[in-house]
Amino acid sequence: MSTKSAFWQSHLIAWRTSGLSQAAYCHLQGLSLPCFGYWRSKLRESLPLPPPAAKALLPIVVSELSGSDKCIEVELPNGLQVRFPSDMDEARCVSIIRALREC
């Protein structure tokens, strides 16, 4: 296997286990997204890659909010940020976060 193939194989495996989008992973690693896509396509058939990491929401417990806290801010692994009113229904927040994680 060539040095370039090994380089991209290691990044493809790291990306698949990171749970990040391709764009977010490339941005964090300083990689070209078009090159990443090229090597992903090229190596897809010749190298077995592990399945993507399972994505799960982690429970967050908010103990107390002061009167001045009007929103809760969440930053998702794909780089999106969302703000919720502090009194928003928990189930609605979770459904919005799940939808945004796919963006």
N, C-alpha and C. Protein backbone atom coordinates (compact mmCIF):
# COMPACT_ATOMS: atom_id res chain seq x y z
N MET A 1 0.85 -1.18 0.00
CA MET A 1 0.00 0.00 0.00
C MET A 1 0.89 1.24 0.00
N SER A 2 0.54 2.20 -0.83
CA SER A 2 1.34 3.42 -0.92
C SER A 2 1.19 4.26 0.34
N THR A 3 2.12 5.18 0.51
CA THR A 3 2.08 6.08 1.65
C THR A 3 0.81 6.93 1.65
N LYS A 4 0.42 7.40 0.45
CA LYS A 4 -0.81 8.21 0.37
C LYS A 4 -2.03 7.38 0.75
N SER A 5 -2.08 6.14 0.24
CA SER A 5 -3.22 5.27 0.57
C SER A 5 -3.30 5.03 2.07
N ALA A 6 -2.16 4.77 2.68
CA ALA A 6 -2.13 4.52 4.13
C ALA A 6 -2.56 5.77 4.90
N PHE A 7 -2.11 6.94 4.45
CA PHE A 7 -2.48 8.21 5.07
C PHE A 7 -4.00 8.38 5.05
N TRP A 8 -4.59 8.20 3.86
CA TRP A 8 -6.02 8.42 3.73
C TRP A 8 -6.82 7.32 4.40
N GLN A 9 -6.31 6.08 4.38
CA GLN A 9 -7.01 5.00 5.07
C GLN A 9 -7.11 5.31 6.56
N SER A 10 -6.02 5.78 7.16
CA SER A 10 -6.07 6.09 8.59
C SER A 10 -7.05 7.22 8.88
N HIS A 11 -7.13 8.21 7.99
CA HIS A 11 -8.10 9.29 8.20
C HIS A 11 -9.53 8.81 7.99
N LEU A 12 -9.73 7.95 7.02
CA LEU A 12 -11.09 7.43 6.80
C LEU A 12 -11.57 6.63 7.99
N ILE A 13 -10.70 5.82 8.55
CA ILE A 13 -11.08 5.04 9.74
C ILE A 13 -11.34 5.97 10.92
N ALA A 14 -10.48 6.96 11.11
CA ALA A 14 -10.68 7.92 12.21
C ALA A 14 -11.98 8.68 12.03
N TRP A 15 -12.29 9.08 10.79
CA TRP A 15 -13.54 9.79 10.53
C TRP A 15 -14.74 8.91 10.85
N ARG A 16 -14.72 7.66 10.38
CA ARG A 16 -15.86 6.77 10.60
C ARG A 16 -16.12 6.53 12.08
N THR A 17 -15.09 6.52 12.88
CA THR A 17 -15.28 6.28 14.32
C THR A 17 -15.51 7.57 15.10
N SER A 18 -15.34 8.73 14.45
CA SER A 18 -15.49 10.01 15.15
C SER A 18 -16.93 10.43 15.36
N GLY A 19 -17.82 10.00 14.47
CA GLY A 19 -19.20 10.45 14.56
C GLY A 19 -19.42 11.82 13.93
N LEU A 20 -18.37 12.41 13.36
CA LEU A 20 -18.48 13.73 12.72
C LEU A 20 -18.89 13.58 11.26
N SER A 21 -19.43 14.66 10.72
CA SER A 21 -19.68 14.69 9.28
C SER A 21 -18.32 14.76 8.58
N GLN A 22 -18.30 14.44 7.27
CA GLN A 22 -17.06 14.53 6.52
C GLN A 22 -16.50 15.95 6.57
N ALA A 23 -17.38 16.92 6.37
CA ALA A 23 -16.95 18.32 6.35
C ALA A 23 -16.36 18.74 7.70
N ALA A 24 -17.01 18.36 8.79
CA ALA A 24 -16.52 18.73 10.12
C ALA A 24 -15.18 18.05 10.39
N TYR A 25 -15.06 16.78 10.04
CA TYR A 25 -13.80 16.06 10.27
C TYR A 25 -12.67 16.71 9.48
N CYS A 26 -12.92 16.97 8.19
CA CYS A 26 -11.88 17.58 7.34
C CYS A 26 -11.48 18.95 7.87
N HIS A 27 -12.45 19.73 8.31
CA HIS A 27 -12.16 21.05 8.85
C HIS A 27 -11.25 20.94 10.09
N LEU A 28 -11.60 20.03 10.99
CA LEU A 28 -10.82 19.87 12.22
C LEU A 28 -9.41 19.35 11.94
N GLN A 29 -9.27 18.52 10.91
CA GLN A 29 -7.98 17.91 10.60
C GLN A 29 -7.17 18.71 9.58
N GLY A 30 -7.77 19.76 9.01
CA GLY A 30 -7.08 20.56 8.00
C GLY A 30 -6.92 19.83 6.68
N LEU A 31 -7.94 19.00 6.33
CA LEU A 31 -7.90 18.22 5.10
C LEU A 31 -8.81 18.83 4.05
N SER A 32 -8.48 18.60 2.80
CA SER A 32 -9.33 19.04 1.70
C SER A 32 -10.52 18.10 1.60
N LEU A 33 -11.73 18.65 1.65
CA LEU A 33 -12.93 17.83 1.54
C LEU A 33 -13.02 17.10 0.19
N PRO A 34 -12.70 17.77 -0.95
CA PRO A 34 -12.72 17.04 -2.23
C PRO A 34 -11.71 15.89 -2.27
N CYS A 35 -10.51 16.08 -1.72
CA CYS A 35 -9.53 14.99 -1.68
C CYS A 35 -10.02 13.86 -0.78
N PHE A 36 -10.63 14.24 0.33
CA PHE A 36 -11.18 13.24 1.24
C PHE A 36 -12.21 12.38 0.52
N GLY A 37 -13.12 13.05 -0.21
CA GLY A 37 -14.15 12.33 -0.96
C GLY A 37 -13.56 11.42 -2.03
N TYR A 38 -12.52 11.91 -2.70
CA TYR A 38 -11.87 11.11 -3.74
C TYR A 38 -11.30 9.82 -3.12
N TRP A 39 -10.55 9.96 -2.03
CA TRP A 39 -9.94 8.79 -1.41
C TRP A 39 -10.98 7.89 -0.75
N ARG A 40 -12.03 8.46 -0.25
CA ARG A 40 -13.11 7.64 0.33
C ARG A 40 -13.70 6.76 -0.75
N SER A 41 -13.94 7.33 -1.92
CA SER A 41 -14.48 6.57 -3.05
C SER A 41 -13.47 5.53 -3.53
N LYS A 42 -12.22 5.92 -3.64
CA LYS A 42 -11.18 5.03 -4.14
C LYS A 42 -10.94 3.84 -3.21
N LEU A 43 -10.93 4.09 -1.92
CA LEU A 43 -10.60 3.04 -0.96
C LEU A 43 -11.81 2.26 -0.47
N ARG A 44 -12.99 2.73 -0.77
CA ARG A 44 -14.21 2.09 -0.29
C ARG A 44 -14.27 0.63 -0.72
N GLU A 45 -13.93 0.35 -1.97
CA GLU A 45 -14.04 -1.01 -2.49
C GLU A 45 -12.88 -1.90 -2.07
N SER A 46 -11.71 -1.32 -1.88
CA SER A 46 -10.53 -2.15 -1.61
C SER A 46 -10.25 -2.36 -0.13
N LEU A 47 -10.78 -1.49 0.72
CA LEU A 47 -10.49 -1.60 2.14
C LEU A 47 -11.77 -1.62 2.96
N PRO A 48 -11.92 -2.63 3.79
CA PRO A 48 -13.10 -2.63 4.67
C PRO A 48 -12.94 -1.57 5.74
N LEU A 49 -13.93 -0.75 5.88
CA LEU A 49 -13.91 0.28 6.91
C LEU A 49 -14.88 -0.10 8.02
N PRO A 50 -14.56 0.24 9.25
CA PRO A 50 -15.49 -0.05 10.33
C PRO A 50 -16.78 0.76 10.15
N PRO A 51 -17.88 0.25 10.70
CA PRO A 51 -19.13 1.01 10.59
C PRO A 51 -19.02 2.33 11.35
N PRO A 52 -19.85 3.31 10.96
CA PRO A 52 -19.81 4.58 11.68
C PRO A 52 -20.09 4.37 13.16
N ALA A 53 -19.53 5.25 13.97
CA ALA A 53 -19.75 5.19 15.41
C ALA A 53 -21.24 5.38 15.71
N ALA A 54 -21.71 4.65 16.69
CA ALA A 54 -23.09 4.82 17.12
C ALA A 54 -23.26 6.22 17.68
N LYS A 55 -24.32 6.88 17.28
CA LYS A 55 -24.56 8.23 17.76
C LYS A 55 -25.62 8.16 18.84
N ALA A 56 -25.29 8.70 19.96
CA ALA A 56 -26.23 8.68 21.07
C ALA A 56 -26.25 10.05 21.73
N LEU A 57 -27.41 10.40 22.23
CA LEU A 57 -27.52 11.63 23.01
C LEU A 57 -27.15 11.31 24.45
N LEU A 58 -26.39 12.16 25.05
CA LEU A 58 -26.01 11.97 26.43
C LEU A 58 -26.95 12.77 27.32
N PRO A 59 -27.33 12.20 28.45
CA PRO A 59 -28.22 12.94 29.34
C PRO A 59 -27.50 14.14 29.95
N ILE A 60 -28.20 15.23 30.04
CA ILE A 60 -27.68 16.44 30.64
C ILE A 60 -28.64 16.85 31.75
N VAL A 61 -28.10 17.09 32.90
CA VAL A 61 -28.93 17.52 34.02
C VAL A 61 -28.61 18.97 34.32
N VAL A 62 -29.63 19.81 34.27
CA VAL A 62 -29.47 21.22 34.62
C VAL A 62 -30.05 21.38 36.01
N SER A 63 -29.19 21.69 36.96
CA SER A 63 -29.65 21.74 38.34
C SER A 63 -30.43 23.00 38.66
N GLU A 64 -29.89 24.14 38.28
CA GLU A 64 -30.57 25.41 38.55
C GLU A 64 -30.16 26.44 37.52
N LEU A 65 -31.10 27.25 37.14
CA LEU A 65 -30.81 28.38 36.26
C LEU A 65 -31.12 29.65 37.03
N SER A 66 -30.25 30.61 36.92
CA SER A 66 -30.53 31.87 37.59
C SER A 66 -31.58 32.62 36.78
N GLY A 67 -32.16 33.61 37.35
CA GLY A 67 -33.19 34.39 36.67
C GLY A 67 -32.69 35.05 35.39
N SER A 68 -31.38 35.29 35.31
CA SER A 68 -30.85 35.97 34.13
C SER A 68 -30.57 35.00 32.97
N ASP A 69 -30.58 33.68 33.24
CA ASP A 69 -30.35 32.69 32.18
C ASP A 69 -31.64 32.48 31.39
N LYS A 70 -31.67 33.02 30.19
CA LYS A 70 -32.88 32.93 29.39
C LYS A 70 -32.82 31.83 28.34
N CYS A 71 -31.62 31.26 28.13
CA CYS A 71 -31.50 30.20 27.14
C CYS A 71 -30.38 29.23 27.51
N ILE A 72 -30.48 28.05 26.89
CA ILE A 72 -29.46 27.03 27.02
C ILE A 72 -28.85 26.86 25.64
N GLU A 73 -27.53 26.92 25.56
CA GLU A 73 -26.84 26.81 24.27
C GLU A 73 -26.19 25.43 24.16
N VAL A 74 -26.37 24.79 23.00
CA VAL A 74 -25.80 23.47 22.75
C VAL A 74 -24.99 23.55 21.46
N GLU A 75 -23.75 23.03 21.51
CA GLU A 75 -22.94 22.93 20.30
C GLU A 75 -22.85 21.46 19.92
N LEU A 76 -23.25 21.14 18.69
CA LEU A 76 -23.28 19.77 18.22
C LEU A 76 -21.95 19.38 17.58
N PRO A 77 -21.66 18.06 17.50
CA PRO A 77 -20.40 17.62 16.90
C PRO A 77 -20.20 18.08 15.46
N ASN A 78 -21.29 18.33 14.74
CA ASN A 78 -21.16 18.79 13.35
C ASN A 78 -20.93 20.29 13.25
N GLY A 79 -20.75 20.96 14.39
CA GLY A 79 -20.42 22.37 14.41
C GLY A 79 -21.62 23.31 14.55
N LEU A 80 -22.81 22.78 14.40
CA LEU A 80 -24.00 23.63 14.56
C LEU A 80 -24.19 24.00 16.03
N GLN A 81 -24.67 25.21 16.25
CA GLN A 81 -24.99 25.67 17.59
C GLN A 81 -26.47 26.01 17.63
N VAL A 82 -27.11 25.67 18.72
CA VAL A 82 -28.53 25.95 18.86
C VAL A 82 -28.78 26.47 20.27
N ARG A 83 -29.70 27.42 20.36
CA ARG A 83 -30.09 27.98 21.66
C ARG A 83 -31.56 27.68 21.89
N PHE A 84 -31.86 27.19 23.08
CA PHE A 84 -33.23 26.89 23.47
C PHE A 84 -33.63 27.79 24.63
N PRO A 85 -34.88 28.22 24.65
CA PRO A 85 -35.36 28.92 25.85
C PRO A 85 -35.24 27.98 27.04
N SER A 86 -34.87 28.50 28.18
CA SER A 86 -34.65 27.64 29.35
C SER A 86 -35.90 26.90 29.80
N ASP A 87 -37.06 27.38 29.40
CA ASP A 87 -38.30 26.72 29.81
C ASP A 87 -38.88 25.80 28.73
N MET A 88 -38.12 25.55 27.65
CA MET A 88 -38.62 24.71 26.56
C MET A 88 -38.74 23.26 27.01
N ASP A 89 -39.75 22.58 26.52
CA ASP A 89 -40.01 21.18 26.84
C ASP A 89 -38.81 20.31 26.43
N GLU A 90 -38.39 19.44 27.33
CA GLU A 90 -37.22 18.59 27.09
C GLU A 90 -37.38 17.70 25.86
N ALA A 91 -38.54 17.10 25.68
CA ALA A 91 -38.76 16.22 24.53
C ALA A 91 -38.62 16.98 23.21
N ARG A 92 -39.09 18.20 23.19
CA ARG A 92 -38.96 19.01 21.97
C ARG A 92 -37.49 19.35 21.69
N CYS A 93 -36.73 19.68 22.74
CA CYS A 93 -35.29 19.96 22.58
C CYS A 93 -34.59 18.75 22.00
N VAL A 94 -34.88 17.57 22.54
CA VAL A 94 -34.23 16.34 22.07
C VAL A 94 -34.56 16.07 20.61
N SER A 95 -35.82 16.25 20.21
CA SER A 95 -36.18 15.99 18.82
C SER A 95 -35.50 16.98 17.87
N ILE A 96 -35.35 18.22 18.29
CA ILE A 96 -34.67 19.22 17.46
C ILE A 96 -33.18 18.88 17.35
N ILE A 97 -32.56 18.51 18.45
CA ILE A 97 -31.14 18.15 18.43
C ILE A 97 -30.90 16.95 17.52
N ARG A 98 -31.74 15.94 17.63
CA ARG A 98 -31.59 14.76 16.76
C ARG A 98 -31.68 15.13 15.28
N ALA A 99 -32.62 15.99 14.95
CA ALA A 99 -32.78 16.41 13.55
C ALA A 99 -31.56 17.19 13.08
N LEU A 100 -31.04 18.09 13.92
CA LEU A 100 -29.90 18.91 13.55
C LEU A 100 -28.60 18.14 13.44
N ARG A 101 -28.47 17.05 14.18
CA ARG A 101 -27.25 16.24 14.11
C ARG A 101 -27.05 15.64 12.73
N GLU A 102 -28.12 15.48 11.99
CA GLU A 102 -28.04 14.88 10.65
C GLU A 102 -27.66 15.90 9.58
N CYS A 103 -27.62 17.17 9.92
CA CYS A 103 -27.28 18.21 8.94
C CYS A 103 -25.81 18.20 8.58
